[in-house]
């Protein structure tokens, strides 16, 4: 994982993660998993809040329409005190 890579090379204090909707999907993870893990390790830096098209395999830069996922992600962001560099 990216978190493991950063830890392995002593870079965990230098970077935070930018989450993009389809990157987790392509890795076999859910958006909830990606967000929860980044936040749990204090590495949730920014979110590209578009949605993906699963049949295409890449972001489509359309507004999110999954209310449950959007609400979950907003809750995680609020609980960690927002997003900051």
PDB file of N, CA and C in Angstrom:
ATOM      1  N   UNK A   1       0.833  -1.192   0.000  1.00  0.00           N
ATOM      2  CA  UNK A   1       0.000   0.000   0.000  1.00  0.00           C
ATOM      3  C   UNK A   1       0.875   1.252   0.000  1.00  0.00           C
ATOM      4  N   UNK A   2       0.263   2.353  -0.280  1.00  0.00           N
ATOM      5  CA  UNK A   2       0.992   3.625  -0.253  1.00  0.00           C
ATOM      6  C   UNK A   2       1.470   3.926   1.160  1.00  0.00           C
ATOM      7  N   UNK A   3       0.623   3.652   2.141  1.00  0.00           N
ATOM      8  CA  UNK A   3       1.031   3.905   3.527  1.00  0.00           C
ATOM      9  C   UNK A   3       2.247   3.064   3.896  1.00  0.00           C
ATOM     10  N   UNK A   4       2.263   1.810   3.479  1.00  0.00           N
ATOM     11  CA  UNK A   4       3.409   0.947   3.734  1.00  0.00           C
ATOM     12  C   UNK A   4       4.670   1.447   3.049  1.00  0.00           C
ATOM     13  N   UNK A   5       4.527   1.918   1.825  1.00  0.00           N
ATOM     14  CA  UNK A   5       5.662   2.466   1.071  1.00  0.00           C
ATOM     15  C   UNK A   5       6.240   3.681   1.800  1.00  0.00           C
ATOM     16  N   UNK A   6       5.353   4.589   2.224  1.00  0.00           N
ATOM     17  CA  UNK A   6       5.823   5.788   2.927  1.00  0.00           C
ATOM     18  C   UNK A   6       6.555   5.423   4.213  1.00  0.00           C
ATOM     19  N   UNK A   7       6.001   4.459   4.958  1.00  0.00           N
ATOM     20  CA  UNK A   7       6.641   4.017   6.191  1.00  0.00           C
ATOM     21  C   UNK A   7       7.986   3.345   5.922  1.00  0.00           C
ATOM     22  N   UNK A   8       8.030   2.497   4.919  1.00  0.00           N
ATOM     23  CA  UNK A   8       9.258   1.757   4.583  1.00  0.00           C
ATOM     24  C   UNK A   8      10.428   2.697   4.306  1.00  0.00           C
ATOM     25  N   UNK A   9      10.136   3.817   3.653  1.00  0.00           N
ATOM     26  CA  UNK A   9      11.200   4.737   3.258  1.00  0.00           C
ATOM     27  C   UNK A   9      11.276   5.994   4.114  1.00  0.00           C
ATOM     28  N   UNK A  10      10.629   5.951   5.292  1.00  0.00           N
ATOM     29  CA  UNK A  10      10.728   7.058   6.236  1.00  0.00           C
ATOM     30  C   UNK A  10      10.079   8.345   5.756  1.00  0.00           C
ATOM     31  N   UNK A  11       9.074   8.231   4.915  1.00  0.00           N
ATOM     32  CA  UNK A  11       8.431   9.411   4.334  1.00  0.00           C
ATOM     33  C   UNK A  11       7.047   9.690   4.922  1.00  0.00           C
ATOM     34  N   UNK A  12       6.650   8.930   5.931  1.00  0.00           N
ATOM     35  CA  UNK A  12       5.299   9.058   6.457  1.00  0.00           C
ATOM     36  C   UNK A  12       4.985  10.443   7.010  1.00  0.00           C
ATOM     37  N   UNK A  13       5.990  11.178   7.428  1.00  0.00           N
ATOM     38  CA  UNK A  13       5.745  12.519   7.958  1.00  0.00           C
ATOM     39  C   UNK A  13       5.843  13.599   6.885  1.00  0.00           C
ATOM     40  N   UNK A  14       6.151  13.213   5.678  1.00  0.00           N
ATOM     41  CA  UNK A  14       6.345  14.170   4.586  1.00  0.00           C
ATOM     42  C   UNK A  14       5.138  14.308   3.671  1.00  0.00           C
ATOM     43  N   UNK A  15       4.257  13.318   3.668  1.00  0.00           N
ATOM     44  CA  UNK A  15       3.163  13.294   2.703  1.00  0.00           C
ATOM     45  C   UNK A  15       1.839  12.926   3.348  1.00  0.00           C
ATOM     46  N   UNK A  16       0.767  13.412   2.755  1.00  0.00           N
ATOM     47  CA  UNK A  16      -0.588  12.961   3.052  1.00  0.00           C
ATOM     48  C   UNK A  16      -1.155  12.419   1.738  1.00  0.00           C
ATOM     49  N   UNK A  17      -2.296  11.757   1.814  1.00  0.00           N
ATOM     50  CA  UNK A  17      -2.851  11.108   0.632  1.00  0.00           C
ATOM     51  C   UNK A  17      -3.967  11.912  -0.001  1.00  0.00           C
ATOM     52  N   UNK A  18      -4.012  11.899  -1.320  1.00  0.00           N
ATOM     53  CA  UNK A  18      -5.131  12.412  -2.094  1.00  0.00           C
ATOM     54  C   UNK A  18      -5.919  11.196  -2.556  1.00  0.00           C
ATOM     55  N   UNK A  19      -7.161  11.090  -2.101  1.00  0.00           N
ATOM     56  CA  UNK A  19      -7.988   9.956  -2.500  1.00  0.00           C
ATOM     57  C   UNK A  19      -8.810  10.309  -3.726  1.00  0.00           C
ATOM     58  N   UNK A  20      -8.827   9.411  -4.675  1.00  0.00           N
ATOM     59  CA  UNK A  20      -9.653   9.562  -5.876  1.00  0.00           C
ATOM     60  C   UNK A  20     -10.593   8.379  -5.958  1.00  0.00           C
ATOM     61  N   UNK A  21     -11.813   8.653  -6.322  1.00  0.00           N
ATOM     62  CA  UNK A  21     -12.884   7.654  -6.250  1.00  0.00           C
ATOM     63  C   UNK A  21     -12.524   6.317  -6.878  1.00  0.00           C
ATOM     64  N   UNK A  22     -12.021   6.314  -8.053  1.00  0.00           N
ATOM     65  CA  UNK A  22     -11.849   5.053  -8.761  1.00  0.00           C
ATOM     66  C   UNK A  22     -10.536   4.350  -8.432  1.00  0.00           C
ATOM     67  N   UNK A  23      -9.593   5.036  -7.841  1.00  0.00           N
ATOM     68  CA  UNK A  23      -8.319   4.377  -7.542  1.00  0.00           C
ATOM     69  C   UNK A  23      -8.514   3.242  -6.543  1.00  0.00           C
ATOM     70  N   UNK A  24      -9.320   3.465  -5.534  1.00  0.00           N
ATOM     71  CA  UNK A  24      -9.614   2.392  -4.588  1.00  0.00           C
ATOM     72  C   UNK A  24     -10.367   1.256  -5.243  1.00  0.00           C
ATOM     73  N   UNK A  25     -11.311   1.576  -6.086  1.00  0.00           N
ATOM     74  CA  UNK A  25     -12.081   0.557  -6.793  1.00  0.00           C
ATOM     75  C   UNK A  25     -11.171  -0.314  -7.640  1.00  0.00           C
ATOM     76  N   UNK A  26     -10.244   0.308  -8.347  1.00  0.00           N
ATOM     77  CA  UNK A  26      -9.319  -0.444  -9.185  1.00  0.00           C
ATOM     78  C   UNK A  26      -8.399  -1.345  -8.367  1.00  0.00           C
ATOM     79  N   UNK A  27      -8.166  -0.968  -7.108  1.00  0.00           N
ATOM     80  CA  UNK A  27      -7.332  -1.776  -6.214  1.00  0.00           C
ATOM     81  C   UNK A  27      -8.154  -2.819  -5.454  1.00  0.00           C
ATOM     82  N   UNK A  28      -9.452  -2.847  -5.717  1.00  0.00           N
ATOM     83  CA  UNK A  28     -10.319  -3.816  -5.049  1.00  0.00           C
ATOM     84  C   UNK A  28     -10.824  -3.364  -3.701  1.00  0.00           C
ATOM     85  N   UNK A  29     -10.750  -2.063  -3.411  1.00  0.00           N
ATOM     86  CA  UNK A  29     -11.216  -1.510  -2.145  1.00  0.00           C
ATOM     87  C   UNK A  29     -12.425  -0.623  -2.376  1.00  0.00           C
ATOM     88  N   UNK A  30     -13.148  -0.379  -1.310  1.00  0.00           N
ATOM     89  CA  UNK A  30     -14.262   0.565  -1.379  1.00  0.00           C
ATOM     90  C   UNK A  30     -13.782   1.968  -1.019  1.00  0.00           C
ATOM     91  N   UNK A  31     -14.579   2.961  -1.347  1.00  0.00           N
ATOM     92  CA  UNK A  31     -14.273   4.334  -0.948  1.00  0.00           C
ATOM     93  C   UNK A  31     -14.254   4.474   0.560  1.00  0.00           C
ATOM     94  N   UNK A  32     -15.128   3.731   1.227  1.00  0.00           N
ATOM     95  CA  UNK A  32     -15.154   3.759   2.689  1.00  0.00           C
ATOM     96  C   UNK A  32     -13.841   3.232   3.265  1.00  0.00           C
ATOM     97  N   UNK A  33     -13.346   2.142   2.710  1.00  0.00           N
ATOM     98  CA  UNK A  33     -12.086   1.559   3.185  1.00  0.00           C
ATOM     99  C   UNK A  33     -10.933   2.528   2.977  1.00  0.00           C
ATOM    100  N   UNK A  34     -10.834   3.092   1.794  1.00  0.00           N
ATOM    101  CA  UNK A  34      -9.744   4.012   1.489  1.00  0.00           C
ATOM    102  C   UNK A  34      -9.758   5.201   2.449  1.00  0.00           C
ATOM    103  N   UNK A  35     -10.942   5.763   2.673  1.00  0.00           N
ATOM    104  CA  UNK A  35     -11.078   6.927   3.545  1.00  0.00           C
ATOM    105  C   UNK A  35     -10.768   6.570   4.995  1.00  0.00           C
ATOM    106  N   UNK A  36     -11.313   5.461   5.460  1.00  0.00           N
ATOM    107  CA  UNK A  36     -11.101   5.046   6.850  1.00  0.00           C
ATOM    108  C   UNK A  36      -9.627   4.783   7.129  1.00  0.00           C
ATOM    109  N   UNK A  37      -8.943   4.103   6.227  1.00  0.00           N
ATOM    110  CA  UNK A  37      -7.530   3.780   6.446  1.00  0.00           C
ATOM    111  C   UNK A  37      -6.662   5.041   6.439  1.00  0.00           C
ATOM    112  N   UNK A  38      -6.887   5.916   5.482  1.00  0.00           N
ATOM    113  CA  UNK A  38      -6.104   7.150   5.422  1.00  0.00           C
ATOM    114  C   UNK A  38      -6.317   7.978   6.689  1.00  0.00           C
ATOM    115  N   UNK A  39      -7.566   8.083   7.131  1.00  0.00           N
ATOM    116  CA  UNK A  39      -7.863   8.864   8.337  1.00  0.00           C
ATOM    117  C   UNK A  39      -7.291   8.192   9.581  1.00  0.00           C
ATOM    118  N   UNK A  40      -7.376   6.869   9.656  1.00  0.00           N
ATOM    119  CA  UNK A  40      -6.881   6.143  10.829  1.00  0.00           C
ATOM    120  C   UNK A  40      -5.384   6.362  11.043  1.00  0.00           C
ATOM    121  N   UNK A  41      -4.648   6.547   9.955  1.00  0.00           N
ATOM    122  CA  UNK A  41      -3.209   6.773  10.052  1.00  0.00           C
ATOM    123  C   UNK A  41      -2.842   8.255   9.975  1.00  0.00           C
ATOM    124  N   UNK A  42      -3.871   9.134  10.018  1.00  0.00           N
ATOM    125  CA  UNK A  42      -3.615  10.572   9.986  1.00  0.00           C
ATOM    126  C   UNK A  42      -3.054  11.052   8.661  1.00  0.00           C
ATOM    127  N   UNK A  43      -3.406  10.382   7.581  1.00  0.00           N
ATOM    128  CA  UNK A  43      -2.827  10.697   6.276  1.00  0.00           C
ATOM    129  C   UNK A  43      -3.855  11.122   5.241  1.00  0.00           C
ATOM    130  N   UNK A  44      -5.074  11.443   5.665  1.00  0.00           N
ATOM    131  CA  UNK A  44      -6.100  11.900   4.728  1.00  0.00           C
ATOM    132  C   UNK A  44      -5.856  13.370   4.434  1.00  0.00           C
ATOM    133  N   UNK A  45      -5.282  13.639   3.276  1.00  0.00           N
ATOM    134  CA  UNK A  45      -4.887  15.001   2.937  1.00  0.00           C
ATOM    135  C   UNK A  45      -5.887  15.733   2.067  1.00  0.00           C
ATOM    136  N   UNK A  46      -6.423  15.055   1.047  1.00  0.00           N
ATOM    137  CA  UNK A  46      -7.397  15.677   0.152  1.00  0.00           C
ATOM    138  C   UNK A  46      -8.212  14.597  -0.534  1.00  0.00           C
ATOM    139  N   UNK A  47      -9.334  15.025  -1.100  1.00  0.00           N
ATOM    140  CA  UNK A  47     -10.243  14.089  -1.755  1.00  0.00           C
ATOM    141  C   UNK A  47     -10.654  14.661  -3.098  1.00  0.00           C
ATOM    142  N   UNK A  48     -10.468  13.891  -4.138  1.00  0.00           N
ATOM    143  CA  UNK A  48     -10.977  14.228  -5.465  1.00  0.00           C
ATOM    144  C   UNK A  48     -12.397  13.682  -5.493  1.00  0.00           C
ATOM    145  N   UNK A  49     -13.362  14.535  -5.207  1.00  0.00           N
ATOM    146  CA  UNK A  49     -14.733  14.085  -4.959  1.00  0.00           C
ATOM    147  C   UNK A  49     -15.554  13.954  -6.230  1.00  0.00           C
ATOM    148  N   UNK A  50     -15.019  13.272  -7.206  1.00  0.00           N
ATOM    149  CA  UNK A  50     -15.835  12.951  -8.369  1.00  0.00           C
ATOM    150  C   UNK A  50     -16.261  11.504  -8.258  1.00  0.00           C
ATOM    151  N   UNK A  51     -16.997  11.028  -9.216  1.00  0.00           N
ATOM    152  CA  UNK A  51     -17.377   9.620  -9.161  1.00  0.00           C
ATOM    153  C   UNK A  51     -16.806   8.903 -10.367  1.00  0.00           C
ATOM    154  N   UNK A  52     -16.741   7.618 -10.207  1.00  0.00           N
ATOM    155  CA  UNK A  52     -16.174   6.816 -11.264  1.00  0.00           C
ATOM    156  C   UNK A  52     -17.263   6.117 -12.057  1.00  0.00           C
ATOM    157  N   UNK A  53     -16.895   5.611 -13.168  1.00  0.00           N
ATOM    158  CA  UNK A  53     -17.773   4.755 -13.969  1.00  0.00           C
ATOM    159  C   UNK A  53     -17.115   3.385 -13.973  1.00  0.00           C
ATOM    160  N   UNK A  54     -17.670   2.459 -13.209  1.00  0.00           N
ATOM    161  CA  UNK A  54     -17.041   1.156 -13.019  1.00  0.00           C
ATOM    162  C   UNK A  54     -16.800   0.422 -14.340  1.00  0.00           C
ATOM    163  N   UNK A  55     -17.656   0.612 -15.302  1.00  0.00           N
ATOM    164  CA  UNK A  55     -17.507  -0.091 -16.575  1.00  0.00           C
ATOM    165  C   UNK A  55     -16.365   0.478 -17.414  1.00  0.00           C
ATOM    166  N   UNK A  56     -16.009   1.734 -17.178  1.00  0.00           N
ATOM    167  CA  UNK A  56     -14.922   2.345 -17.929  1.00  0.00           C
ATOM    168  C   UNK A  56     -13.571   2.125 -17.280  1.00  0.00           C
ATOM    169  N   UNK A  57     -13.540   2.098 -15.955  1.00  0.00           N
ATOM    170  CA  UNK A  57     -12.292   1.880 -15.235  1.00  0.00           C
ATOM    171  C   UNK A  57     -11.513   3.147 -14.943  1.00  0.00           C
ATOM    172  N   UNK A  58     -12.136   4.306 -15.063  1.00  0.00           N
ATOM    173  CA  UNK A  58     -11.445   5.537 -14.698  1.00  0.00           C
ATOM    174  C   UNK A  58     -12.462   6.580 -14.256  1.00  0.00           C
ATOM    175  N   UNK A  59     -11.954   7.666 -13.682  1.00  0.00           N
ATOM    176  CA  UNK A  59     -12.824   8.748 -13.224  1.00  0.00           C
ATOM    177  C   UNK A  59     -13.502   9.402 -14.409  1.00  0.00           C
ATOM    178  N   UNK A  60     -14.721   9.839 -14.185  1.00  0.00           N
ATOM    179  CA  UNK A  60     -15.465  10.514 -15.246  1.00  0.00           C
ATOM    180  C   UNK A  60     -15.678  11.994 -14.943  1.00  0.00           C
ATOM    181  N   UNK A  61     -15.160  12.448 -13.804  1.00  0.00           N
ATOM    182  CA  UNK A  61     -15.303  13.843 -13.378  1.00  0.00           C
ATOM    183  C   UNK A  61     -16.759  14.301 -13.357  1.00  0.00           C
ATOM    184  N   UNK A  62     -17.630  13.415 -12.896  1.00  0.00           N
ATOM    185  CA  UNK A  62     -19.030  13.768 -12.673  1.00  0.00           C
ATOM    186  C   UNK A  62     -19.238  13.891 -11.170  1.00  0.00           C
ATOM    187  N   UNK A  63     -20.253  14.637 -10.776  1.00  0.00           N
ATOM    188  CA  UNK A  63     -20.531  14.807  -9.357  1.00  0.00           C
ATOM    189  C   UNK A  63     -20.917  13.473  -8.728  1.00  0.00           C
ATOM    190  N   UNK A  64     -20.529  13.274  -7.458  1.00  0.00           N
ATOM    191  CA  UNK A  64     -20.909  12.034  -6.771  1.00  0.00           C
ATOM    192  C   UNK A  64     -22.428  11.929  -6.650  1.00  0.00           C
ATOM    193  N   UNK A  65     -22.946  10.726  -6.766  1.00  0.00           N
ATOM    194  CA  UNK A  65     -24.389  10.547  -6.595  1.00  0.00           C
ATOM    195  C   UNK A  65     -24.724   9.433  -5.615  1.00  0.00           C
ATOM    196  N   UNK A  66     -23.733   8.929  -4.908  1.00  0.00           N
ATOM    197  CA  UNK A  66     -23.945   7.929  -3.873  1.00  0.00           C
ATOM    198  C   UNK A  66     -24.014   8.671  -2.534  1.00  0.00           C
ATOM    199  N   UNK A  67     -25.236   8.918  -2.079  1.00  0.00           N
ATOM    200  CA  UNK A  67     -25.434   9.719  -0.869  1.00  0.00           C
ATOM    201  C   UNK A  67     -24.795   9.061   0.350  1.00  0.00           C
ATOM    202  N   UNK A  68     -24.887   7.748   0.447  1.00  0.00           N
ATOM    203  CA  UNK A  68     -24.295   7.043   1.590  1.00  0.00           C
ATOM    204  C   UNK A  68     -22.789   7.198   1.648  1.00  0.00           C
ATOM    205  N   UNK A  69     -22.128   7.008   0.521  1.00  0.00           N
ATOM    206  CA  UNK A  69     -20.671   7.147   0.467  1.00  0.00           C
ATOM    207  C   UNK A  69     -20.249   8.588   0.732  1.00  0.00           C
ATOM    208  N   UNK A  70     -20.932   9.536   0.112  1.00  0.00           N
ATOM    209  CA  UNK A  70     -20.585  10.947   0.311  1.00  0.00           C
ATOM    210  C   UNK A  70     -20.752  11.353   1.777  1.00  0.00           C
ATOM    211  N   UNK A  71     -21.826  10.886   2.400  1.00  0.00           N
ATOM    212  CA  UNK A  71     -22.076  11.204   3.800  1.00  0.00           C
ATOM    213  C   UNK A  71     -21.019  10.577   4.699  1.00  0.00           C
ATOM    214  N   UNK A  72     -20.670   9.333   4.427  1.00  0.00           N
ATOM    215  CA  UNK A  72     -19.639   8.652   5.206  1.00  0.00           C
ATOM    216  C   UNK A  72     -18.315   9.410   5.120  1.00  0.00           C
ATOM    217  N   UNK A  73     -17.918   9.779   3.922  1.00  0.00           N
ATOM    218  CA  UNK A  73     -16.649  10.478   3.734  1.00  0.00           C
ATOM    219  C   UNK A  73     -16.667  11.838   4.425  1.00  0.00           C
ATOM    220  N   UNK A  74     -17.780  12.566   4.295  1.00  0.00           N
ATOM    221  CA  UNK A  74     -17.875  13.862   4.982  1.00  0.00           C
ATOM    222  C   UNK A  74     -17.772  13.685   6.487  1.00  0.00           C
ATOM    223  N   UNK A  75     -18.373  12.633   7.035  1.00  0.00           N
ATOM    224  CA  UNK A  75     -18.312  12.368   8.472  1.00  0.00           C
ATOM    225  C   UNK A  75     -16.871  12.098   8.910  1.00  0.00           C
ATOM    226  N   UNK A  76     -16.150  11.299   8.147  1.00  0.00           N
ATOM    227  CA  UNK A  76     -14.747  11.013   8.481  1.00  0.00           C
ATOM    228  C   UNK A  76     -13.919  12.294   8.455  1.00  0.00           C
ATOM    229  N   UNK A  77     -14.113  13.113   7.434  1.00  0.00           N
ATOM    230  CA  UNK A  77     -13.373  14.364   7.321  1.00  0.00           C
ATOM    231  C   UNK A  77     -13.678  15.278   8.512  1.00  0.00           C
ATOM    232  N   UNK A  78     -14.950  15.406   8.868  1.00  0.00           N
ATOM    233  CA  UNK A  78     -15.320  16.257  10.003  1.00  0.00           C
ATOM    234  C   UNK A  78     -14.728  15.734  11.306  1.00  0.00           C
ATOM    235  N   UNK A  79     -14.757  14.414  11.507  1.00  0.00           N
ATOM    236  CA  UNK A  79     -14.228  13.838  12.736  1.00  0.00           C
ATOM    237  C   UNK A  79     -12.719  14.021  12.872  1.00  0.00           C
ATOM    238  N   UNK A  80     -12.022  14.163  11.761  1.00  0.00           N
ATOM    239  CA  UNK A  80     -10.577  14.390  11.870  1.00  0.00           C
ATOM    240  C   UNK A  80     -10.248  15.885  11.883  1.00  0.00           C
ATOM    241  N   UNK A  81     -11.285  16.726  11.921  1.00  0.00           N
ATOM    242  CA  UNK A  81     -11.063  18.164  12.017  1.00  0.00           C
ATOM    243  C   UNK A  81     -10.921  18.867  10.684  1.00  0.00           C
ATOM    244  N   UNK A  82     -11.362  18.227   9.613  1.00  0.00           N
ATOM    245  CA  UNK A  82     -11.298  18.822   8.278  1.00  0.00           C
ATOM    246  C   UNK A  82     -10.083  18.332   7.511  1.00  0.00           C
ATOM    247  N   UNK A  83      -9.818  18.987   6.408  1.00  0.00           N
ATOM    248  CA  UNK A  83      -8.660  18.667   5.575  1.00  0.00           C
ATOM    249  C   UNK A  83      -7.685  19.822   5.639  1.00  0.00           C
ATOM    250  N   UNK A  84      -6.435  19.515   5.840  1.00  0.00           N
ATOM    251  CA  UNK A  84      -5.411  20.551   5.909  1.00  0.00           C
ATOM    252  C   UNK A  84      -4.118  20.007   5.327  1.00  0.00           C
ATOM    253  N   UNK A  85      -3.327  20.887   4.731  1.00  0.00           N
ATOM    254  CA  UNK A  85      -2.052  20.425   4.172  1.00  0.00           C
ATOM    255  C   UNK A  85      -1.082  19.948   5.239  1.00  0.00           C
TER     256      UNK A  85
END
